[in-house]
Each structure stands twice: as structure tokens, then as C-alpha cells.
Amino acid sequence: MMKTIAILGLGFTLCFDVFANDASVYDRLWSHAMPYENGDATVVQRFAVVGRLQADAVYFDSSSGHHKDAVWRRFRIGGKPTVFRDYIAHVEADIDLNEWGSNASYKGLTDAYIGWLPSKAFNLKVGKQSAPFTLDGATSSTKLITLERSIVAENLWFTTEYFTGIAGLGSKDKWAYRLGVYSSSGDKEFGQFDAGAFGLASLGRKIREGVSVRVDYVYNNPDYSGDVGTADLEHVLCLVAKVEAGRAGLWTDFSFGDGIATQSGLWGLQLMPFYNFTDRWQAVFRYAVASSLDGPGVHMGRYPRKNEPGLAEEAHDFYLGVNCYLYGHKLKWQNGVEYNHALNMASTGDDYHGWGISSGLRISW
């Protein structure tokens, strides 16, 4: 309870602090994350300390029970030097502050790669890195405009997120692309290369100012004799669109997945309109549905799943949120209320009905 009050109180205080309008305060604070920068240096041009700290306070009630908690959602810390002007090395560790002081506090490496950036049209990453597809799956947790990713990403994206592989990406004119091959291993370090592999291809185009579309395709060939970290889907196809005009916007995701073995095929739809009242205050609504093509095969979201961990035949989420941006996405307070409805739970045969409220602080550097 005290942690919940602290999260709510700190968020409220920050957003209504009269000094919060002074961006120079945040500029000075965040400048410490760049302890070294020298564009004239021959070897190391800059060194950045990178990371994120996120906290959640939640209460979810349902037909299956209720769940309330205040948790450290994420803590990651690492370094990102730029060397010889065209190369970066990014290493970042994932720490569970809820288990601080125990051996379980270290959850593994997220990013651990070498990047070559000769031009905007072509970059190369080799090592452990994010495999981005779907609308929310291709959005960093630091940039989400809802507290949690939707049930579309929960079911059709690979929530392990970070995989060892090689990826080429870039943009030219109105086009952007990514081609990557990754180990399917869910190992917390670099992967053992004994769990199969998957390929990711993504192609996006800017139609006009404020309007863009992207197609993502994944072919996944896991080997279950190893530690598989991907979802049980062989093919995933996603169509993502973003439309923004003035203060309003609409982001959408329509995704399909072809199941492996006992996993049914899945489809999902996400509609997420939002409105920016000011540079600081934003309202967002999200409707998401994920459906199985053959019996229960759908996971609910992170916190509804605390009440009912089983699979459903179909799940619907309605989310209404208000975000307060103190320093853009680097410092923000996010709040949401949501209603969750799932059909034909495998564990009970009944439907699930529930609602929840959540509040979270998001800090990144």
C-alpha cells in the first residue's frame, strides 16, 4: 500500500510541480547520462549510460478474483559507446528490483550487440537485440503510450523480445526496412543456437506527412529440444498503420499467426486513437481483440492474467488512459482504466469479466 501511494504521489507531484515547466532542469539532469563526448577524438567519440526505471501500481478485479500490487516493472542499466564514428557497442542488463539482494535479481542481458552505422540507408547490428514486429512489439517500453502492450502483441509478438542474431536496417526517401535472422533461443545471455531460428522482414512507407504503413513478416522454425523463447507460431503477418493530424492520431495493427503443434492459429486487431491536449497532457483509448481459430489459445494481458492465467478462445480489452509527459518519453506518468472480457476459458469453460486501474512512472535515459 505504501509503495502504491508513493508511486501515485510522486507522479501527481511531478506533473503539477511549477518548476516542471523549466525544461532546462531536465536537460541538466539528463546530461549526466552522457559523461563523455568528443567529436574530434580518434577512437571513442562518446559514451552514454543507458537504461530505464519503471514502476507500476495496479488493482484488477474480476469474476475469477482480484489482484493488487505495487512493483518495480523494469530496471535496466548499461553503456553505449560510439567508436571510430561509425560503430556502436550496446550492452544492457535487466535487473529485477523486486528480487534485489537475491540471485534472482539478475534477469539477463537485453541488448548486447555491435552496430555499424555507415549511413542512414544501411545499418548493421550483430549480437543480442530486439526483434521488433506488430505495433506494440516494435515500440520500446520507454515509448509506449499505454502502460502495457496490448493483447495483440501479447499473443502474436515474441514477448521474450531480445534474441541473438544479425539484422540490416535503414531508410531512404519514404521507405524504411529491416531484414534479420535470429536464434529462437530464450536464453538470458547470448543463446545456445540449439533452439532453431527465425527470420524477420519489415517494410514501411511514409504515404504523406503524418501517414505511414508497415508490413512485418516472421518465419519461425523453432527446435523444441532447446530453450525456445519464441511463441508457438510458424508464420506471423502484421499490417501496421499510423495516422496523425494536428493533435490527434490513430494507430492500428491487424495481425495473423499460424500456430505450431497444439497452438491454434491466431488473429488480432488493435485500434488506438489518441489526442494531445498540450505538449504535456495526452488521452489515449485502445481497443484490442485477439482470437483463436480453433479452441482456447489466447493469453490475456499481463495483469488480467494474474487473476486468470488460463487460455481463452477470444479476448477483448478496452483501455482509457491519461499520460503526463514531464520530459517527453524520458520522464512520464501514465494512468489507465480498462475492461477485460474473454470467452470460453480453457480452465473453467466460463467467460472472464474484469476491470482494472493502473498507474505507472516511466523514466529512461
Protein backbone atom coordinates (compact mmCIF):
# COMPACT_ATOMS: atom_id res chain seq x y z
CA MET A 1 0.00 0.00 0.00
CA MET A 2 2.77 2.45 0.89
CA LYS A 3 4.53 1.78 -2.42
CA THR A 4 1.27 2.39 -4.29
CA ILE A 5 0.74 5.71 -2.52
CA ALA A 6 4.36 6.66 -3.23
CA ILE A 7 4.02 6.00 -6.98
CA LEU A 8 0.75 7.91 -7.23
CA GLY A 9 2.01 10.75 -5.06
CA LEU A 10 5.29 11.17 -6.90
CA GLY A 11 3.57 11.15 -10.29
CA PHE A 12 1.00 13.72 -9.16
CA THR A 13 3.64 15.95 -7.60
CA LEU A 14 5.88 15.88 -10.66
CA CYS A 15 3.09 16.67 -13.11
CA PHE A 16 1.84 19.64 -11.12
CA ASP A 17 5.22 20.93 -9.99
CA VAL A 18 5.52 24.58 -11.03
CA PHE A 19 9.20 24.01 -11.78
CA ALA A 20 8.37 21.20 -14.21
CA ASN A 21 7.84 23.74 -16.99
CA ASP A 22 11.52 24.56 -16.91
CA ALA A 23 12.96 22.08 -19.42
CA SER A 24 16.49 23.23 -18.64
CA VAL A 25 16.24 21.47 -15.26
CA TYR A 26 15.68 18.15 -17.02
CA ASP A 27 18.30 18.96 -19.65
CA ARG A 28 20.90 19.33 -16.90
CA LEU A 29 19.81 16.15 -15.12
CA TRP A 30 19.80 14.00 -18.24
CA SER A 31 23.13 15.42 -19.44
CA HIS A 32 24.79 13.27 -16.75
CA ALA A 33 23.83 10.21 -18.80
CA MET A 34 26.42 11.39 -21.36
CA PRO A 35 29.58 11.60 -19.22
CA TYR A 36 31.88 11.76 -22.24
CA GLU A 37 31.51 13.31 -25.70
CA ASN A 38 34.29 14.47 -28.01
CA GLY A 39 33.52 14.53 -31.73
CA ASP A 40 37.18 15.21 -32.56
CA ALA A 41 38.50 12.11 -30.79
CA THR A 42 40.03 9.42 -32.99
CA VAL A 43 38.78 6.30 -31.20
CA VAL A 44 35.90 6.98 -28.76
CA GLN A 45 33.65 9.89 -29.73
CA ARG A 46 31.04 9.46 -26.99
CA PHE A 47 29.95 7.23 -24.15
CA ALA A 48 26.33 7.14 -22.99
CA VAL A 49 24.89 5.50 -19.90
CA VAL A 50 21.59 3.96 -20.98
CA GLY A 51 18.73 2.45 -19.05
CA ARG A 52 15.19 2.68 -17.77
CA LEU A 53 13.38 2.58 -14.46
CA GLN A 54 9.66 1.82 -14.37
CA ALA A 55 7.20 1.34 -11.50
CA ASP A 56 3.54 0.22 -11.51
CA ALA A 57 0.70 0.37 -9.02
CA VAL A 58 -2.28 -1.77 -10.11
CA TYR A 59 -5.64 -3.10 -8.95
CA PHE A 60 -7.54 -5.64 -11.08
CA ASP A 61 -10.87 -7.18 -10.07
CA SER A 62 -12.65 -9.94 -11.97
CA SER A 63 -15.04 -12.86 -11.94
CA SER A 64 -12.04 -15.04 -11.02
CA GLY A 65 -10.67 -12.95 -8.14
CA HIS A 66 -8.64 -9.80 -7.74
CA HIS A 67 -5.01 -8.74 -7.90
CA LYS A 68 -3.37 -5.66 -6.44
CA ASP A 69 0.29 -4.80 -6.26
CA ALA A 70 2.94 -2.12 -6.50
CA VAL A 71 6.01 -3.36 -8.32
CA TRP A 72 9.18 -2.30 -10.00
CA ARG A 73 8.17 -3.08 -13.57
CA ARG A 74 11.58 -2.76 -15.19
CA PHE A 75 15.10 -1.67 -14.34
CA ARG A 76 17.80 -1.83 -16.98
CA ILE A 77 21.24 -0.30 -16.99
CA GLY A 78 24.14 -0.36 -19.40
CA GLY A 79 26.53 1.53 -21.64
CA LYS A 80 26.63 2.59 -25.29
CA PRO A 81 29.95 3.90 -26.64
CA THR A 82 30.44 5.25 -30.16
CA VAL A 83 33.85 4.35 -31.60
CA PHE A 84 35.57 5.16 -34.89
CA ARG A 85 32.49 7.28 -35.69
CA ASP A 86 30.56 4.51 -37.47
CA TYR A 87 30.42 1.85 -34.74
CA ILE A 88 28.49 1.45 -31.52
CA ALA A 89 28.57 -1.19 -28.81
CA HIS A 90 25.42 -1.53 -26.74
CA VAL A 91 25.34 -3.66 -23.59
CA GLU A 92 22.43 -3.51 -21.17
CA ALA A 93 21.45 -5.73 -18.23
CA ASP A 94 17.94 -6.44 -16.94
CA ILE A 95 17.63 -6.28 -13.15
CA ASP A 96 14.58 -7.30 -11.10
CA LEU A 97 14.45 -4.80 -8.25
CA ASN A 98 11.62 -6.78 -6.64
CA GLU A 99 14.19 -9.54 -6.02
CA TRP A 100 17.00 -7.18 -5.08
CA GLY A 101 19.61 -8.86 -2.88
CA SER A 102 18.92 -12.38 -4.18
CA ASN A 103 20.44 -14.37 -7.01
CA ALA A 104 17.16 -13.94 -8.91
CA SER A 105 17.65 -10.18 -9.25
CA TYR A 106 19.78 -10.56 -12.40
CA LYS A 107 17.45 -11.50 -15.25
CA GLY A 108 20.00 -11.42 -18.06
CA LEU A 109 21.13 -9.24 -20.93
CA THR A 110 18.72 -7.38 -23.16
CA ASP A 111 20.91 -5.60 -25.71
CA ALA A 112 24.41 -6.92 -26.28
CA TYR A 113 25.40 -6.09 -29.84
CA ILE A 114 27.86 -4.32 -32.11
CA GLY A 115 26.36 -1.87 -34.58
CA TRP A 116 27.81 -0.49 -37.81
CA LEU A 117 26.15 2.74 -38.95
CA PRO A 118 27.82 3.88 -42.19
CA SER A 119 24.71 5.71 -43.45
CA LYS A 120 21.03 6.29 -42.81
CA ALA A 121 20.25 3.93 -45.69
CA PHE A 122 22.08 0.97 -44.13
CA ASN A 123 22.87 -0.04 -40.56
CA LEU A 124 24.03 -3.45 -39.37
CA LYS A 125 23.53 -4.99 -35.91
CA VAL A 126 25.24 -8.19 -34.78
CA GLY A 127 24.50 -9.74 -31.38
CA LYS A 128 21.62 -9.76 -28.94
CA GLN A 129 18.98 -7.20 -29.89
CA SER A 130 15.26 -6.53 -30.08
CA ALA A 131 13.23 -8.31 -32.78
CA PRO A 132 10.51 -5.71 -33.49
CA PHE A 133 7.18 -6.53 -35.14
CA THR A 134 3.49 -5.76 -34.51
CA LEU A 135 2.54 -2.23 -33.46
CA ASP A 136 3.38 -2.53 -29.77
CA GLY A 137 6.12 -5.13 -30.23
CA ALA A 138 8.04 -2.70 -32.43
CA THR A 139 7.65 0.05 -29.81
CA SER A 140 10.15 0.25 -26.97
CA SER A 141 8.66 0.03 -23.48
CA THR A 142 10.05 3.55 -22.99
CA LYS A 143 7.88 4.88 -25.85
CA LEU A 144 4.56 3.08 -25.23
CA ILE A 145 1.57 5.41 -24.82
CA THR A 146 -0.25 2.76 -22.75
CA LEU A 147 1.19 1.21 -19.62
CA GLU A 148 1.34 -2.29 -21.09
CA ARG A 149 1.47 -3.73 -24.57
CA SER A 150 -1.82 -4.91 -26.00
CA ILE A 151 -3.11 -8.49 -26.20
CA VAL A 152 -2.27 -8.42 -29.92
CA ALA A 153 1.44 -8.14 -29.10
CA GLU A 154 0.98 -10.43 -26.09
CA ASN A 155 -0.14 -13.23 -28.41
CA LEU A 156 1.37 -12.57 -31.83
CA TRP A 157 4.71 -10.97 -30.95
CA PHE A 158 7.60 -12.81 -29.25
CA THR A 159 7.48 -11.37 -25.73
CA THR A 160 11.00 -12.59 -24.93
CA GLU A 161 11.84 -9.61 -27.20
CA TYR A 162 15.63 -9.89 -27.27
CA PHE A 163 17.33 -12.54 -29.43
CA THR A 164 20.83 -13.15 -30.72
CA GLY A 165 21.12 -12.52 -34.45
CA ILE A 166 22.09 -10.25 -37.28
CA ALA A 167 19.91 -7.51 -38.78
CA GLY A 168 20.25 -4.97 -41.55
CA LEU A 169 18.02 -1.89 -41.42
CA GLY A 170 17.72 1.61 -42.77
CA SER A 171 15.61 4.19 -44.52
CA LYS A 172 15.74 6.08 -47.81
CA ASP A 173 13.31 8.68 -49.10
CA LYS A 174 9.85 7.46 -47.98
CA TRP A 175 10.86 3.84 -47.39
CA ALA A 176 12.18 2.02 -44.30
CA TYR A 177 13.19 -1.63 -43.99
CA ARG A 178 14.58 -4.30 -41.68
CA LEU A 179 15.86 -7.80 -42.52
CA GLY A 180 17.06 -10.05 -39.73
CA VAL A 181 17.85 -13.65 -38.81
CA TYR A 182 17.84 -14.62 -35.14
CA SER A 183 18.27 -17.62 -32.88
CA SER A 184 14.94 -18.75 -31.39
CA SER A 185 16.65 -19.38 -28.07
CA GLY A 186 15.22 -17.77 -24.94
CA ASP A 187 18.50 -17.99 -23.05
CA LYS A 188 19.08 -14.96 -20.83
CA GLU A 189 22.57 -14.42 -22.19
CA PHE A 190 23.50 -14.90 -25.86
CA GLY A 191 21.51 -18.01 -26.73
CA GLN A 192 22.81 -21.52 -27.31
CA PHE A 193 21.86 -21.77 -31.01
CA ASP A 194 20.17 -25.09 -30.26
CA ALA A 195 16.56 -23.88 -30.40
CA GLY A 196 16.10 -23.19 -34.10
CA ALA A 197 15.92 -19.81 -35.79
CA PHE A 198 13.51 -17.25 -37.17
CA GLY A 199 13.64 -14.60 -39.85
CA LEU A 200 12.06 -11.14 -39.75
CA ALA A 201 11.32 -8.88 -42.71
CA SER A 202 9.73 -5.45 -42.35
CA LEU A 203 8.95 -2.83 -44.96
CA GLY A 204 7.39 0.55 -44.26
CA ARG A 205 6.44 3.56 -46.33
CA LYS A 206 5.54 7.13 -45.47
CA ILE A 207 2.47 7.89 -47.58
CA ARG A 208 2.44 11.59 -46.77
CA GLU A 209 3.11 13.80 -43.77
CA GLY A 210 1.61 12.10 -40.71
CA VAL A 211 0.55 8.93 -42.56
CA SER A 212 2.63 5.73 -42.73
CA VAL A 213 2.10 1.99 -43.19
CA ARG A 214 4.31 -1.00 -42.45
CA VAL A 215 4.18 -4.72 -43.17
CA ASP A 216 6.01 -7.20 -40.90
CA TYR A 217 6.54 -10.88 -41.70
CA VAL A 218 8.13 -13.54 -39.50
CA TYR A 219 9.02 -17.12 -40.36
CA ASN A 220 9.80 -19.12 -37.21
CA ASN A 221 11.35 -22.60 -37.20
CA PRO A 222 11.95 -23.48 -33.52
CA ASP A 223 13.71 -26.60 -32.27
CA TYR A 224 11.99 -27.67 -29.06
CA SER A 225 14.94 -29.73 -27.91
CA GLY A 226 16.45 -26.38 -26.91
CA ASP A 227 15.31 -23.44 -24.79
CA VAL A 228 12.80 -21.86 -27.16
CA GLY A 229 11.93 -18.22 -26.46
CA THR A 230 9.58 -17.56 -29.38
CA ALA A 231 5.80 -18.00 -29.47
CA ASP A 232 4.43 -21.25 -30.93
CA LEU A 233 3.76 -19.59 -34.28
CA GLU A 234 5.38 -20.54 -37.59
CA HIS A 235 4.23 -17.57 -39.70
CA VAL A 236 3.23 -14.11 -38.46
CA LEU A 237 1.99 -11.34 -40.75
CA CYS A 238 1.26 -7.82 -39.48
CA LEU A 239 -0.14 -4.69 -41.09
CA VAL A 240 0.56 -1.56 -39.04
CA ALA A 241 -0.72 1.92 -39.91
CA LYS A 242 -0.21 5.29 -38.23
CA VAL A 243 -2.21 8.42 -38.99
CA GLU A 244 -1.53 11.72 -37.20
CA ALA A 245 -3.05 15.13 -37.95
CA GLY A 246 -2.53 18.07 -35.65
CA ARG A 247 -3.08 16.98 -32.06
CA ALA A 248 -4.97 13.77 -32.94
CA GLY A 249 -3.76 10.38 -34.10
CA LEU A 250 -4.82 6.81 -34.78
CA TRP A 251 -2.50 3.80 -34.71
CA THR A 252 -3.72 0.38 -35.86
CA ASP A 253 -2.47 -3.19 -36.02
CA PHE A 254 -4.02 -6.14 -37.87
CA SER A 255 -2.02 -9.36 -37.35
CA PHE A 256 -2.27 -13.06 -38.15
CA GLY A 257 -0.31 -16.04 -36.85
CA ASP A 258 -0.13 -19.68 -37.99
CA GLY A 259 0.13 -22.00 -34.99
CA ILE A 260 2.63 -24.79 -34.41
CA ALA A 261 1.60 -28.19 -32.96
CA THR A 262 -1.20 -27.66 -30.42
CA GLN A 263 -1.18 -23.86 -30.74
CA SER A 264 -4.14 -22.69 -32.77
CA GLY A 265 -3.85 -20.07 -35.44
CA LEU A 266 -4.48 -16.55 -34.13
CA TRP A 267 -5.56 -13.16 -35.37
CA GLY A 268 -5.58 -9.82 -33.61
CA LEU A 269 -6.80 -6.28 -34.14
CA GLN A 270 -5.74 -3.14 -32.29
CA LEU A 271 -7.24 0.35 -32.71
CA MET A 272 -5.59 3.12 -30.69
CA PRO A 273 -6.75 6.73 -31.14
CA PHE A 274 -5.15 9.45 -29.02
CA TYR A 275 -5.34 13.19 -28.53
CA ASN A 276 -2.66 15.60 -27.28
CA PHE A 277 -4.34 18.35 -25.25
CA THR A 278 -0.97 20.05 -24.73
CA ASP A 279 2.66 19.07 -25.05
CA ARG A 280 2.33 17.58 -21.57
CA TRP A 281 -1.15 16.00 -21.39
CA GLN A 282 -2.39 13.21 -23.63
CA ALA A 283 -5.50 11.00 -23.67
CA VAL A 284 -5.41 7.57 -25.31
CA PHE A 285 -8.06 4.92 -25.97
CA ARG A 286 -7.26 1.37 -27.04
CA TYR A 287 -9.48 -1.44 -28.21
CA ALA A 288 -7.78 -4.77 -28.84
CA VAL A 289 -9.08 -8.23 -29.67
CA ALA A 290 -7.15 -11.47 -30.05
CA SER A 291 -8.95 -14.59 -31.26
CA SER A 292 -8.06 -18.25 -31.70
CA LEU A 293 -9.11 -20.07 -34.83
CA ASP A 294 -9.55 -23.44 -33.10
CA GLY A 295 -10.42 -23.59 -29.40
CA PRO A 296 -8.80 -21.72 -26.49
CA GLY A 297 -5.37 -20.42 -27.48
CA VAL A 298 -5.30 -16.76 -26.43
CA HIS A 299 -3.45 -15.25 -23.47
CA MET A 300 -4.93 -12.26 -21.69
CA GLY A 301 -2.86 -9.21 -20.76
CA ARG A 302 -0.19 -9.08 -18.07
CA TYR A 303 -2.33 -8.06 -15.11
CA PRO A 304 -5.68 -9.74 -16.01
CA ARG A 305 -3.62 -12.94 -16.32
CA LYS A 306 -2.76 -12.65 -12.62
CA ASN A 307 -6.44 -13.37 -11.91
CA GLU A 308 -6.95 -15.99 -14.62
CA PRO A 309 -3.77 -17.49 -16.12
CA GLY A 310 -5.57 -19.87 -18.50
CA LEU A 311 -6.12 -19.60 -22.23
CA ALA A 312 -9.26 -18.17 -23.80
CA GLU A 313 -10.95 -18.65 -27.14
CA GLU A 314 -11.13 -14.89 -27.62
CA ALA A 315 -10.16 -11.87 -25.54
CA HIS A 316 -11.22 -8.21 -25.72
CA ASP A 317 -9.57 -5.28 -23.94
CA PHE A 318 -10.83 -1.70 -23.63
CA TYR A 319 -8.32 0.80 -22.21
CA LEU A 320 -8.70 4.52 -21.47
CA GLY A 321 -5.61 6.34 -20.31
CA VAL A 322 -4.17 9.75 -19.46
CA ASN A 323 -0.45 10.43 -19.83
CA CYS A 324 1.57 13.29 -18.37
CA TYR A 325 4.90 13.96 -20.10
CA LEU A 326 7.36 15.82 -17.91
CA TYR A 327 10.34 15.39 -20.23
CA GLY A 328 8.90 13.69 -23.26
CA HIS A 329 9.08 9.90 -23.06
CA LYS A 330 12.14 10.17 -20.82
CA LEU A 331 10.02 11.10 -17.79
CA LYS A 332 6.28 10.47 -17.79
CA TRP A 333 3.40 9.46 -15.54
CA GLN A 334 0.84 7.13 -17.12
CA ASN A 335 -2.60 6.16 -15.82
CA GLY A 336 -5.23 3.84 -17.22
CA VAL A 337 -8.54 2.16 -16.54
CA GLU A 338 -9.51 -0.91 -18.53
CA TYR A 339 -12.20 -3.53 -19.01
CA ASN A 340 -11.28 -7.09 -20.00
CA HIS A 341 -13.60 -9.74 -21.40
CA ALA A 342 -12.58 -13.23 -22.50
CA LEU A 343 -14.66 -16.06 -23.94
CA ASN A 344 -14.56 -19.77 -23.08
CA MET A 345 -11.64 -20.02 -20.68
CA ALA A 346 -9.91 -23.40 -21.04
CA SER A 347 -9.56 -23.80 -17.26
CA THR A 348 -13.25 -23.31 -16.42
CA GLY A 349 -15.24 -23.24 -19.65
CA ASP A 350 -16.71 -19.95 -18.47
CA ASP A 351 -16.23 -16.39 -19.71
CA TYR A 352 -14.00 -13.91 -17.91
CA HIS A 353 -15.10 -10.39 -16.96
CA GLY A 354 -12.83 -7.94 -15.21
CA TRP A 355 -11.70 -4.37 -14.87
CA GLY A 356 -8.55 -2.72 -13.62
CA ILE A 357 -6.84 0.55 -12.84
CA SER A 358 -3.13 1.16 -13.17
CA SER A 359 -0.66 3.95 -12.63
CA GLY A 360 2.99 3.97 -13.52
CA LEU A 361 6.13 6.08 -13.67
CA ARG A 362 8.41 5.69 -16.68
CA ILE A 363 11.97 7.03 -16.64
CA SER A 364 14.59 6.41 -19.31
CA TRP A 365 17.99 7.83 -20.16
